Amino acid sequence: MSSSNLRKVNVRKVLVFLALAFGISWVGATVFAIVDVDLRGLRGTVLVVVVYMWAPAVAAILIQWWDGKSVRTGCGLRRGRLRWVGLAWLTPVGLLALTVGIGVIFPEVSFTTDYGAFLRELGLPEAQVEASLAALEDVPVPIPVFFVLQGLIGGLTINAVAALGEELGWRGLLLRELSPLGFWRLSLLTGVVWGIWHAPLIVQGHNFPDAPVAGVVVMIGWTVAASPLFTYLTVRARSVLAATLLHGSFNAVASLSLVYLTGAGNLFVGPVGIAGIGAGLLATAVCVVHDRYVAVDKVTSGGPLDPW
């Protein structure tokens, strides 16, 4: 057993981190509400990334500096096991398939490839819809493959930059500091915190514009369901980069469920909706099966973790 497994949770450090992360994000969200920022517009998206999503990273970096400790070591900012980092990057493709598979089971929900209808629901003018459909007809690969490849590229680049802001905190500093709790308690606590942290954005219409209050509950359900998957891949990769690429690609790839499922809104068929919760639980089950029947070193056994 390594020395990191023998230490106890530094409760004060965890609480200070959470106070900073929540404080920066929630104050920012309050300002967004006061000045009536459109979170779905370009300016709103940039502000959410810079002010809200990067708050956990800023909090983690400040705390490590104050303690005189390495940000790289404390937050797992290292190359790690590249095969696991790569797997994490591709995992949202599987989550998309699971979400769509679960979504079509819901009453009145069906699979669709009517891209025009989806674009019109976004509020695009008809001329732009027609131009987009014409452009899609010229892509050299099947359109679903094109969308997935586009999402994976985004998850590896611009989306990864945004996701690192969250993951340097949640699967970086917080994972390391809570590692003595073991896999399940760590994942549950992180999932609850992660979900509650989203609340101010959700009530302003982010993710669930038609159901902001119920959306808070569903988002917490999704973060709790998906948190073990994020923990597992991060620990296996021994790097926060796994969670970063998983998160970045998820935001681009898994959201395609809203393109291919019709008959219900984000609350049911969205990537972080009820179908997404089911996908997260199934993915967690796959991790448990791998850990117990394939892996040599066990991660989900309940003992303290040694993340990197």
C-alpha atoms as a PDB file:
ATOM      1  CA  MET A   1       0.000   0.000   0.000  1.00  0.00           C
ATOM      2  CA  SER A   2       1.384   3.398  -0.978  1.00  0.00           C
ATOM      3  CA  SER A   3       1.749   6.270   1.432  1.00  0.00           C
ATOM      4  CA  SER A   4      -1.146   8.125  -0.236  1.00  0.00           C
ATOM      5  CA  ASN A   5      -3.488   5.330   0.869  1.00  0.00           C
ATOM      6  CA  LEU A   6      -2.431   5.746   4.494  1.00  0.00           C
ATOM      7  CA  ARG A   7      -3.374   9.406   4.802  1.00  0.00           C
ATOM      8  CA  LYS A   8      -6.728  10.717   5.951  1.00  0.00           C
ATOM      9  CA  VAL A   9      -9.035  13.098   4.174  1.00  0.00           C
ATOM     10  CA  ASN A  10      -7.972  16.699   4.732  1.00  0.00           C
ATOM     11  CA  VAL A  11     -11.480  17.955   5.456  1.00  0.00           C
ATOM     12  CA  ARG A  12     -10.417  21.580   5.769  1.00  0.00           C
ATOM     13  CA  LYS A  13      -8.728  21.539   2.356  1.00  0.00           C
ATOM     14  CA  VAL A  14     -11.756  19.927   0.734  1.00  0.00           C
ATOM     15  CA  LEU A  15     -14.156  22.442   2.279  1.00  0.00           C
ATOM     16  CA  VAL A  16     -11.998  25.410   1.250  1.00  0.00           C
ATOM     17  CA  PHE A  17     -11.806  24.042  -2.283  1.00  0.00           C
ATOM     18  CA  LEU A  18     -15.587  23.608  -2.475  1.00  0.00           C
ATOM     19  CA  ALA A  19     -16.182  27.080  -1.011  1.00  0.00           C
ATOM     20  CA  LEU A  20     -13.938  28.647  -3.633  1.00  0.00           C
ATOM     21  CA  ALA A  21     -15.269  26.600  -6.546  1.00  0.00           C
ATOM     22  CA  PHE A  22     -18.918  27.166  -5.634  1.00  0.00           C
ATOM     23  CA  GLY A  23     -18.323  30.777  -4.665  1.00  0.00           C
ATOM     24  CA  ILE A  24     -16.721  31.768  -7.968  1.00  0.00           C
ATOM     25  CA  SER A  25     -19.255  29.852 -10.067  1.00  0.00           C
ATOM     26  CA  TRP A  26     -22.387  30.845  -8.189  1.00  0.00           C
ATOM     27  CA  VAL A  27     -21.444  34.520  -7.930  1.00  0.00           C
ATOM     28  CA  GLY A  28     -20.812  34.430 -11.670  1.00  0.00           C
ATOM     29  CA  ALA A  29     -24.194  32.780 -12.295  1.00  0.00           C
ATOM     30  CA  THR A  30     -25.888  35.431 -10.148  1.00  0.00           C
ATOM     31  CA  VAL A  31     -24.324  38.144 -12.272  1.00  0.00           C
ATOM     32  CA  PHE A  32     -25.464  36.319 -15.420  1.00  0.00           C
ATOM     33  CA  ALA A  33     -29.042  36.385 -14.092  1.00  0.00           C
ATOM     34  CA  ILE A  34     -28.905  40.044 -13.053  1.00  0.00           C
ATOM     35  CA  VAL A  35     -27.647  41.260 -16.427  1.00  0.00           C
ATOM     36  CA  ASP A  36     -29.914  38.756 -18.236  1.00  0.00           C
ATOM     37  CA  VAL A  37     -27.217  36.931 -20.206  1.00  0.00           C
ATOM     38  CA  ASP A  38     -28.518  34.542 -22.861  1.00  0.00           C
ATOM     39  CA  LEU A  39     -26.676  31.374 -21.852  1.00  0.00           C
ATOM     40  CA  ARG A  40     -27.434  29.749 -25.213  1.00  0.00           C
ATOM     41  CA  GLY A  41     -25.835  32.559 -27.205  1.00  0.00           C
ATOM     42  CA  LEU A  42     -22.157  32.890 -28.099  1.00  0.00           C
ATOM     43  CA  ARG A  43     -21.407  35.451 -25.387  1.00  0.00           C
ATOM     44  CA  GLY A  44     -23.251  33.376 -22.795  1.00  0.00           C
ATOM     45  CA  THR A  45     -21.349  30.236 -23.785  1.00  0.00           C
ATOM     46  CA  VAL A  46     -17.999  31.997 -23.470  1.00  0.00           C
ATOM     47  CA  LEU A  47     -18.918  33.423 -20.069  1.00  0.00           C
ATOM     48  CA  VAL A  48     -20.101  30.017 -18.821  1.00  0.00           C
ATOM     49  CA  VAL A  49     -16.804  28.429 -19.861  1.00  0.00           C
ATOM     50  CA  VAL A  50     -14.505  31.146 -18.527  1.00  0.00           C
ATOM     51  CA  VAL A  51     -16.328  32.081 -15.325  1.00  0.00           C
ATOM     52  CA  TYR A  52     -18.329  28.980 -14.407  1.00  0.00           C
ATOM     53  CA  MET A  53     -16.603  25.904 -15.817  1.00  0.00           C
ATOM     54  CA  TRP A  54     -13.107  27.098 -14.964  1.00  0.00           C
ATOM     55  CA  ALA A  55     -13.954  27.960 -11.347  1.00  0.00           C
ATOM     56  CA  PRO A  56     -13.088  24.453  -9.997  1.00  0.00           C
ATOM     57  CA  ALA A  57      -9.698  24.595 -11.727  1.00  0.00           C
ATOM     58  CA  VAL A  58      -8.972  28.084 -10.404  1.00  0.00           C
ATOM     59  CA  ALA A  59      -9.926  26.931  -6.896  1.00  0.00           C
ATOM     60  CA  ALA A  60      -7.706  23.841  -7.146  1.00  0.00           C
ATOM     61  CA  ILE A  61      -4.716  25.801  -8.451  1.00  0.00           C
ATOM     62  CA  LEU A  62      -5.023  28.480  -5.752  1.00  0.00           C
ATOM     63  CA  ILE A  63      -5.225  25.898  -2.974  1.00  0.00           C
ATOM     64  CA  GLN A  64      -2.184  24.010  -4.220  1.00  0.00           C
ATOM     65  CA  TRP A  65      -0.208  27.224  -4.450  1.00  0.00           C
ATOM     66  CA  TRP A  66      -1.245  28.288  -0.967  1.00  0.00           C
ATOM     67  CA  ASP A  67      -0.141  24.903   0.377  1.00  0.00           C
ATOM     68  CA  GLY A  68       3.132  25.163  -1.536  1.00  0.00           C
ATOM     69  CA  LYS A  69       2.375  21.921  -3.377  1.00  0.00           C
ATOM     70  CA  SER A  70       2.546  20.911  -7.012  1.00  0.00           C
ATOM     71  CA  VAL A  71      -0.538  21.492  -9.113  1.00  0.00           C
ATOM     72  CA  ARG A  72       0.513  18.680 -11.440  1.00  0.00           C
ATOM     73  CA  THR A  73       0.873  16.166  -8.618  1.00  0.00           C
ATOM     74  CA  GLY A  74      -2.131  17.321  -6.623  1.00  0.00           C
ATOM     75  CA  CYS A  75      -4.455  17.418  -9.615  1.00  0.00           C
ATOM     76  CA  GLY A  76      -3.161  14.524 -11.714  1.00  0.00           C
ATOM     77  CA  LEU A  77      -2.051  16.729 -14.595  1.00  0.00           C
ATOM     78  CA  ARG A  78       0.172  14.127 -16.218  1.00  0.00           C
ATOM     79  CA  ARG A  79       0.275  11.993 -19.356  1.00  0.00           C
ATOM     80  CA  GLY A  80      -0.700   8.796 -17.574  1.00  0.00           C
ATOM     81  CA  ARG A  81      -1.638   5.594 -19.391  1.00  0.00           C
ATOM     82  CA  LEU A  82      -2.413   6.730 -22.909  1.00  0.00           C
ATOM     83  CA  ARG A  83      -4.536   3.710 -23.832  1.00  0.00           C
ATOM     84  CA  TRP A  84      -6.935   4.558 -21.024  1.00  0.00           C
ATOM     85  CA  VAL A  85      -6.882   8.248 -21.896  1.00  0.00           C
ATOM     86  CA  GLY A  86      -7.777   7.278 -25.462  1.00  0.00           C
ATOM     87  CA  LEU A  87     -10.546   4.965 -24.264  1.00  0.00           C
ATOM     88  CA  ALA A  88     -11.992   7.787 -22.171  1.00  0.00           C
ATOM     89  CA  TRP A  89     -12.005  10.027 -25.250  1.00  0.00           C
ATOM     90  CA  LEU A  90     -13.989   7.416 -27.226  1.00  0.00           C
ATOM     91  CA  THR A  91     -16.348   6.387 -24.405  1.00  0.00           C
ATOM     92  CA  PRO A  92     -19.023   9.033 -25.213  1.00  0.00           C
ATOM     93  CA  VAL A  93     -19.701   7.196 -28.484  1.00  0.00           C
ATOM     94  CA  GLY A  94     -20.855   4.236 -26.402  1.00  0.00           C
ATOM     95  CA  LEU A  95     -22.811   6.521 -24.087  1.00  0.00           C
ATOM     96  CA  LEU A  96     -24.568   8.026 -27.109  1.00  0.00           C
ATOM     97  CA  ALA A  97     -25.553   4.566 -28.346  1.00  0.00           C
ATOM     98  CA  LEU A  98     -26.851   3.598 -24.905  1.00  0.00           C
ATOM     99  CA  THR A  99     -28.786   6.858 -24.518  1.00  0.00           C
ATOM    100  CA  VAL A 100     -30.452   6.440 -27.909  1.00  0.00           C
ATOM    101  CA  GLY A 101     -31.187   2.777 -27.192  1.00  0.00           C
ATOM    102  CA  ILE A 102     -32.826   3.621 -23.879  1.00  0.00           C
ATOM    103  CA  GLY A 103     -34.593   6.685 -25.270  1.00  0.00           C
ATOM    104  CA  VAL A 104     -36.465   4.824 -28.007  1.00  0.00           C
ATOM    105  CA  ILE A 105     -38.090   2.661 -25.325  1.00  0.00           C
ATOM    106  CA  PHE A 106     -39.950   5.675 -23.928  1.00  0.00           C
ATOM    107  CA  PRO A 107     -43.589   6.128 -25.025  1.00  0.00           C
ATOM    108  CA  GLU A 108     -44.023   8.367 -28.089  1.00  0.00           C
ATOM    109  CA  VAL A 109     -40.251   8.622 -28.606  1.00  0.00           C
ATOM    110  CA  SER A 110     -38.849   7.478 -31.932  1.00  0.00           C
ATOM    111  CA  PHE A 111     -35.566   7.470 -33.817  1.00  0.00           C
ATOM    112  CA  THR A 112     -35.280  10.093 -36.554  1.00  0.00           C
ATOM    113  CA  THR A 113     -32.840  11.418 -39.134  1.00  0.00           C
ATOM    114  CA  ASP A 114     -34.898  14.518 -39.928  1.00  0.00           C
ATOM    115  CA  TYR A 115     -32.046  16.977 -39.479  1.00  0.00           C
ATOM    116  CA  GLY A 116     -34.142  19.838 -40.804  1.00  0.00           C
ATOM    117  CA  ALA A 117     -36.684  19.460 -38.010  1.00  0.00           C
ATOM    118  CA  PHE A 118     -33.928  19.560 -35.401  1.00  0.00           C
ATOM    119  CA  LEU A 119     -32.386  22.704 -36.913  1.00  0.00           C
ATOM    120  CA  ARG A 120     -35.779  24.402 -36.993  1.00  0.00           C
ATOM    121  CA  GLU A 121     -36.313  23.557 -33.329  1.00  0.00           C
ATOM    122  CA  LEU A 122     -33.086  25.437 -32.626  1.00  0.00           C
ATOM    123  CA  GLY A 123     -34.717  28.503 -34.107  1.00  0.00           C
ATOM    124  CA  LEU A 124     -32.576  28.785 -37.228  1.00  0.00           C
ATOM    125  CA  PRO A 125     -34.053  30.729 -40.143  1.00  0.00           C
ATOM    126  CA  GLU A 126     -35.255  28.634 -43.071  1.00  0.00           C
ATOM    127  CA  ALA A 127     -32.481  29.854 -45.373  1.00  0.00           C
ATOM    128  CA  GLN A 128     -29.856  28.694 -42.897  1.00  0.00           C
ATOM    129  CA  VAL A 129     -31.628  25.371 -42.444  1.00  0.00           C
ATOM    130  CA  GLU A 130     -31.631  24.759 -46.183  1.00  0.00           C
ATOM    131  CA  ALA A 131     -27.954  25.730 -46.461  1.00  0.00           C
ATOM    132  CA  SER A 132     -27.024  23.375 -43.625  1.00  0.00           C
ATOM    133  CA  LEU A 133     -28.941  20.472 -45.162  1.00  0.00           C
ATOM    134  CA  ALA A 134     -27.254  21.083 -48.502  1.00  0.00           C
ATOM    135  CA  ALA A 135     -23.852  21.060 -46.820  1.00  0.00           C
ATOM    136  CA  LEU A 136     -24.662  17.761 -45.083  1.00  0.00           C
ATOM    137  CA  GLU A 137     -25.489  16.158 -48.423  1.00  0.00           C
ATOM    138  CA  ASP A 138     -21.923  16.839 -49.570  1.00  0.00           C
ATOM    139  CA  VAL A 139     -20.098  15.171 -46.661  1.00  0.00           C
ATOM    140  CA  PRO A 140     -18.046  12.156 -47.857  1.00  0.00           C
ATOM    141  CA  VAL A 141     -19.148   9.821 -45.042  1.00  0.00           C
ATOM    142  CA  PRO A 142     -22.528   8.884 -43.540  1.00  0.00           C
ATOM    143  CA  ILE A 143     -23.921  11.856 -41.649  1.00  0.00           C
ATOM    144  CA  PRO A 144     -23.989  10.117 -38.211  1.00  0.00           C
ATOM    145  CA  VAL A 145     -20.309   9.200 -38.656  1.00  0.00           C
ATOM    146  CA  PHE A 146     -19.556  12.792 -39.651  1.00  0.00           C
ATOM    147  CA  PHE A 147     -21.267  14.145 -36.543  1.00  0.00           C
ATOM    148  CA  VAL A 148     -19.475  11.693 -34.254  1.00  0.00           C
ATOM    149  CA  LEU A 149     -16.062  12.407 -35.794  1.00  0.00           C
ATOM    150  CA  GLN A 150     -16.719  16.129 -35.518  1.00  0.00           C
ATOM    151  CA  GLY A 151     -17.650  15.688 -31.866  1.00  0.00           C
ATOM    152  CA  LEU A 152     -14.556  13.624 -31.102  1.00  0.00           C
ATOM    153  CA  ILE A 153     -12.333  16.266 -32.687  1.00  0.00           C
ATOM    154  CA  GLY A 154     -14.075  18.901 -30.591  1.00  0.00           C
ATOM    155  CA  GLY A 155     -13.617  16.747 -27.492  1.00  0.00           C
ATOM    156  CA  LEU A 156      -9.906  16.562 -28.177  1.00  0.00           C
ATOM    157  CA  THR A 157      -9.508  20.313 -28.757  1.00  0.00           C
ATOM    158  CA  ILE A 158     -11.747  23.233 -27.824  1.00  0.00           C
ATOM    159  CA  ASN A 159     -14.140  21.170 -25.678  1.00  0.00           C
ATOM    160  CA  ALA A 160     -11.174  19.710 -23.790  1.00  0.00           C
ATOM    161  CA  VAL A 161     -10.017  23.215 -22.851  1.00  0.00           C
ATOM    162  CA  ALA A 162     -13.447  23.951 -21.387  1.00  0.00           C
ATOM    163  CA  ALA A 163     -13.745  20.552 -19.665  1.00  0.00           C
ATOM    164  CA  LEU A 164     -10.304  20.841 -18.057  1.00  0.00           C
ATOM    165  CA  GLY A 165     -11.681  23.726 -16.023  1.00  0.00           C
ATOM    166  CA  GLU A 166     -14.086  21.376 -14.286  1.00  0.00           C
ATOM    167  CA  GLU A 167     -11.999  18.224 -14.235  1.00  0.00           C
ATOM    168  CA  LEU A 168      -8.877  19.748 -12.727  1.00  0.00           C
ATOM    169  CA  GLY A 169     -11.112  20.308  -9.712  1.00  0.00           C
ATOM    170  CA  TRP A 170     -13.537  17.362  -9.628  1.00  0.00           C
ATOM    171  CA  ARG A 171     -11.391  14.474 -10.930  1.00  0.00           C
ATOM    172  CA  GLY A 172      -8.139  16.240 -10.091  1.00  0.00           C
ATOM    173  CA  LEU A 173      -7.798  17.760  -6.646  1.00  0.00           C
ATOM    174  CA  LEU A 174     -11.077  16.451  -5.213  1.00  0.00           C
ATOM    175  CA  LEU A 175     -10.457  12.880  -6.380  1.00  0.00           C
ATOM    176  CA  ARG A 176      -6.992  12.848  -4.836  1.00  0.00           C
ATOM    177  CA  GLU A 177      -8.133  14.429  -1.577  1.00  0.00           C
ATOM    178  CA  LEU A 178     -11.085  12.037  -1.206  1.00  0.00           C
ATOM    179  CA  SER A 179      -9.141   8.950  -2.335  1.00  0.00           C
ATOM    180  CA  PRO A 180      -8.953   7.522   1.235  1.00  0.00           C
ATOM    181  CA  LEU A 181     -12.752   7.091   1.111  1.00  0.00           C
ATOM    182  CA  GLY A 182     -12.517   4.430  -1.576  1.00  0.00           C
ATOM    183  CA  PHE A 183     -14.112   4.235  -5.007  1.00  0.00           C
ATOM    184  CA  TRP A 184     -17.825   4.205  -4.199  1.00  0.00           C
ATOM    185  CA  ARG A 185     -18.005   6.774  -1.422  1.00  0.00           C
ATOM    186  CA  LEU A 186     -15.672   9.068  -3.352  1.00  0.00           C
ATOM    187  CA  SER A 187     -17.753   8.755  -6.521  1.00  0.00           C
ATOM    188  CA  LEU A 188     -21.061   9.272  -4.706  1.00  0.00           C
ATOM    189  CA  LEU A 189     -19.870  12.362  -2.854  1.00  0.00           C
ATOM    190  CA  THR A 190     -18.285  13.833  -5.974  1.00  0.00           C
ATOM    191  CA  GLY A 191     -21.409  13.105  -7.999  1.00  0.00           C
ATOM    192  CA  VAL A 192     -23.676  14.898  -5.516  1.00  0.00           C
ATOM    193  CA  VAL A 193     -21.358  17.908  -5.271  1.00  0.00           C
ATOM    194  CA  TRP A 194     -20.905  18.041  -9.036  1.00  0.00           C
ATOM    195  CA  GLY A 195     -24.656  17.966  -9.620  1.00  0.00           C
ATOM    196  CA  ILE A 196     -25.528  20.615  -7.037  1.00  0.00           C
ATOM    197  CA  TRP A 197     -22.790  22.847  -8.455  1.00  0.00           C
ATOM    198  CA  HIS A 198     -24.719  22.968 -11.772  1.00  0.00           C
ATOM    199  CA  ALA A 199     -27.936  24.198 -10.122  1.00  0.00           C
ATOM    200  CA  PRO A 200     -27.678  27.973 -10.799  1.00  0.00           C
ATOM    201  CA  LEU A 201     -27.164  27.360 -14.516  1.00  0.00           C
ATOM    202  CA  ILE A 202     -29.955  24.789 -14.693  1.00  0.00           C
ATOM    203  CA  VAL A 203     -32.545  27.108 -13.116  1.00  0.00           C
ATOM    204  CA  GLN A 204     -31.586  29.727 -15.719  1.00  0.00           C
ATOM    205  CA  GLY A 205     -32.524  27.321 -18.503  1.00  0.00           C
ATOM    206  CA  HIS A 206     -29.208  25.636 -19.267  1.00  0.00           C
ATOM    207  CA  ASN A 207     -29.534  21.968 -20.336  1.00  0.00           C
ATOM    208  CA  PHE A 208     -33.272  21.848 -19.516  1.00  0.00           C
ATOM    209  CA  PRO A 209     -34.873  25.076 -20.796  1.00  0.00           C
ATOM    210  CA  ASP A 210     -38.412  23.622 -20.545  1.00  0.00           C
ATOM    211  CA  ALA A 211     -38.022  22.143 -17.057  1.00  0.00           C
ATOM    212  CA  PRO A 212     -35.449  24.118 -15.033  1.00  0.00           C
ATOM    213  CA  VAL A 213     -36.589  22.991 -11.570  1.00  0.00           C
ATOM    214  CA  ALA A 214     -36.995  19.312 -12.386  1.00  0.00           C
ATOM    215  CA  GLY A 215     -33.789  19.666 -14.378  1.00  0.00           C
ATOM    216  CA  VAL A 216     -31.794  20.287 -11.203  1.00  0.00           C
ATOM    217  CA  VAL A 217     -32.952  16.946  -9.769  1.00  0.00           C
ATOM    218  CA  VAL A 218     -32.323  15.084 -13.026  1.00  0.00           C
ATOM    219  CA  MET A 219     -28.875  16.639 -13.403  1.00  0.00           C
ATOM    220  CA  ILE A 220     -27.911  15.466  -9.914  1.00  0.00           C
ATOM    221  CA  GLY A 221     -29.221  12.028 -10.850  1.00  0.00           C
ATOM    222  CA  TRP A 222     -27.005  12.006 -13.933  1.00  0.00           C
ATOM    223  CA  THR A 223     -23.861  13.216 -12.153  1.00  0.00           C
ATOM    224  CA  VAL A 224     -24.307  10.555  -9.463  1.00  0.00           C
ATOM    225  CA  ALA A 225     -24.869   7.870 -12.128  1.00  0.00           C
ATOM    226  CA  ALA A 226     -21.915   8.984 -14.284  1.00  0.00           C
ATOM    227  CA  SER A 227     -19.457   9.844 -11.511  1.00  0.00           C
ATOM    228  CA  PRO A 228     -18.199   6.239 -11.047  1.00  0.00           C
ATOM    229  CA  LEU A 229     -17.415   6.061 -14.772  1.00  0.00           C
ATOM    230  CA  PHE A 230     -15.386   9.279 -14.577  1.00  0.00           C
ATOM    231  CA  THR A 231     -13.609   8.057 -11.442  1.00  0.00           C
ATOM    232  CA  TYR A 232     -12.845   4.648 -12.920  1.00  0.00           C
ATOM    233  CA  LEU A 233     -11.333   5.910 -16.164  1.00  0.00           C
ATOM    234  CA  THR A 234      -9.334   8.597 -14.356  1.00  0.00           C
ATOM    235  CA  VAL A 235      -7.842   6.124 -11.891  1.00  0.00           C
ATOM    236  CA  ARG A 236      -7.133   3.563 -14.620  1.00  0.00           C
ATOM    237  CA  ALA A 237      -5.474   6.254 -16.743  1.00  0.00           C
ATOM    238  CA  ARG A 238      -3.659   7.713 -13.728  1.00  0.00           C
ATOM    239  CA  SER A 239      -4.331  11.134 -15.204  1.00  0.00           C
ATOM    240  CA  VAL A 240      -6.971  13.838 -15.073  1.00  0.00           C
ATOM    241  CA  LEU A 241      -6.642  13.998 -18.865  1.00  0.00           C
ATOM    242  CA  ALA A 242      -8.885  10.924 -19.093  1.00  0.00           C
ATOM    243  CA  ALA A 243     -11.759  12.720 -17.370  1.00  0.00           C
ATOM    244  CA  THR A 244     -11.037  15.851 -19.401  1.00  0.00           C
ATOM    245  CA  LEU A 245     -11.323  14.118 -22.778  1.00  0.00           C
ATOM    246  CA  LEU A 246     -14.292  12.058 -21.592  1.00  0.00           C
ATOM    247  CA  HIS A 247     -16.069  15.229 -20.503  1.00  0.00           C
ATOM    248  CA  GLY A 248     -15.091  17.183 -23.609  1.00  0.00           C
ATOM    249  CA  SER A 249     -16.220  14.499 -26.037  1.00  0.00           C
ATOM    250  CA  PHE A 250     -19.357  13.803 -24.028  1.00  0.00           C
ATOM    251  CA  ASN A 251     -20.502  17.406 -24.377  1.00  0.00           C
ATOM    252  CA  ALA A 252     -20.219  17.127 -28.163  1.00  0.00           C
ATOM    253  CA  VAL A 253     -20.972  13.488 -28.973  1.00  0.00           C
ATOM    254  CA  ALA A 254     -23.583  12.436 -26.413  1.00  0.00           C
ATOM    255  CA  SER A 255     -25.674  15.542 -27.142  1.00  0.00           C
ATOM    256  CA  LEU A 256     -26.437  13.972 -30.529  1.00  0.00           C
ATOM    257  CA  SER A 257     -29.189  12.022 -28.763  1.00  0.00           C
ATOM    258  CA  LEU A 258     -31.258  15.196 -29.134  1.00  0.00           C
ATOM    259  CA  VAL A 259     -30.725  15.035 -32.891  1.00  0.00           C
ATOM    260  CA  TYR A 260     -31.733  11.400 -33.324  1.00  0.00           C
ATOM    261  CA  LEU A 261     -34.574  11.117 -30.821  1.00  0.00           C
ATOM    262  CA  THR A 262     -37.888  12.896 -31.244  1.00  0.00           C
ATOM    263  CA  GLY A 263     -41.133  12.918 -29.260  1.00  0.00           C
ATOM    264  CA  ALA A 264     -39.712  14.070 -25.905  1.00  0.00           C
ATOM    265  CA  GLY A 265     -37.581  16.899 -24.574  1.00  0.00           C
ATOM    266  CA  ASN A 266     -34.163  17.196 -22.964  1.00  0.00           C
ATOM    267  CA  LEU A 267     -35.455  15.994 -19.609  1.00  0.00           C
ATOM    268  CA  PHE A 268     -36.123  12.531 -21.010  1.00  0.00           C
ATOM    269  CA  VAL A 269     -33.847  11.964 -24.024  1.00  0.00           C
ATOM    270  CA  GLY A 270     -31.045  14.473 -23.407  1.00  0.00           C
ATOM    271  CA  PRO A 271     -27.500  13.248 -22.694  1.00  0.00           C
ATOM    272  CA  VAL A 272     -27.892  14.276 -19.033  1.00  0.00           C
ATOM    273  CA  GLY A 273     -31.606  13.448 -18.952  1.00  0.00           C
ATOM    274  CA  ILE A 274     -33.335  10.284 -17.804  1.00  0.00           C
ATOM    275  CA  ALA A 275     -32.063   8.256 -20.764  1.00  0.00           C
ATOM    276  CA  GLY A 276     -28.579   9.593 -20.038  1.00  0.00           C
ATOM    277  CA  ILE A 277     -28.880   8.447 -16.418  1.00  0.00           C
ATOM    278  CA  GLY A 278     -29.637   4.940 -17.648  1.00  0.00           C
ATOM    279  CA  ALA A 279     -26.623   5.087 -19.961  1.00  0.00           C
ATOM    280  CA  GLY A 280     -24.407   6.204 -17.075  1.00  0.00           C
ATOM    281  CA  LEU A 281     -25.583   3.340 -14.880  1.00  0.00           C
ATOM    282  CA  LEU A 282     -24.962   0.788 -17.626  1.00  0.00           C
ATOM    283  CA  ALA A 283     -21.495   2.213 -18.282  1.00  0.00           C
ATOM    284  CA  THR A 284     -20.742   1.980 -14.564  1.00  0.00           C
ATOM    285  CA  ALA A 285     -21.824  -1.669 -14.649  1.00  0.00           C
ATOM    286  CA  VAL A 286     -19.344  -2.289 -17.473  1.00  0.00           C
ATOM    287  CA  CYS A 287     -16.593  -0.745 -15.342  1.00  0.00           C
ATOM    288  CA  VAL A 288     -17.474  -3.015 -12.422  1.00  0.00           C
ATOM    289  CA  VAL A 289     -17.427  -6.114 -14.629  1.00  0.00           C
ATOM    290  CA  HIS A 290     -14.030  -5.144 -16.041  1.00  0.00           C
ATOM    291  CA  ASP A 291     -12.650  -4.418 -12.591  1.00  0.00           C
ATOM    292  CA  ARG A 292     -13.824  -7.667 -11.029  1.00  0.00           C
ATOM    293  CA  TYR A 293     -13.304 -10.150 -13.852  1.00  0.00           C
ATOM    294  CA  VAL A 294     -10.602  -8.693 -16.115  1.00  0.00           C
ATOM    295  CA  ALA A 295      -8.344  -6.271 -14.260  1.00  0.00           C
ATOM    296  CA  VAL A 296      -5.538  -7.515 -12.047  1.00  0.00           C
ATOM    297  CA  ASP A 297      -5.478  -4.538  -9.685  1.00  0.00           C
ATOM    298  CA  LYS A 298      -8.892  -3.785  -8.240  1.00  0.00           C
ATOM    299  CA  VAL A 299     -10.327  -0.282  -8.107  1.00  0.00           C
ATOM    300  CA  THR A 300     -13.949  -0.786  -7.034  1.00  0.00           C
ATOM    301  CA  SER A 301     -13.282  -3.080  -4.076  1.00  0.00           C
ATOM    302  CA  GLY A 302     -13.915  -0.301  -1.552  1.00  0.00           C
ATOM    303  CA  GLY A 303     -10.377   0.238  -0.291  1.00  0.00           C
ATOM    304  CA  PRO A 304      -8.478   3.542  -0.453  1.00  0.00           C
ATOM    305  CA  LEU A 305      -7.470   4.593  -3.961  1.00  0.00           C
ATOM    306  CA  ASP A 306      -4.048   5.515  -5.267  1.00  0.00           C
ATOM    307  CA  PRO A 307      -5.119   7.657  -8.253  1.00  0.00           C
ATOM    308  CA  TRP A 308      -1.684   8.454  -9.728  1.00  0.00           C
END
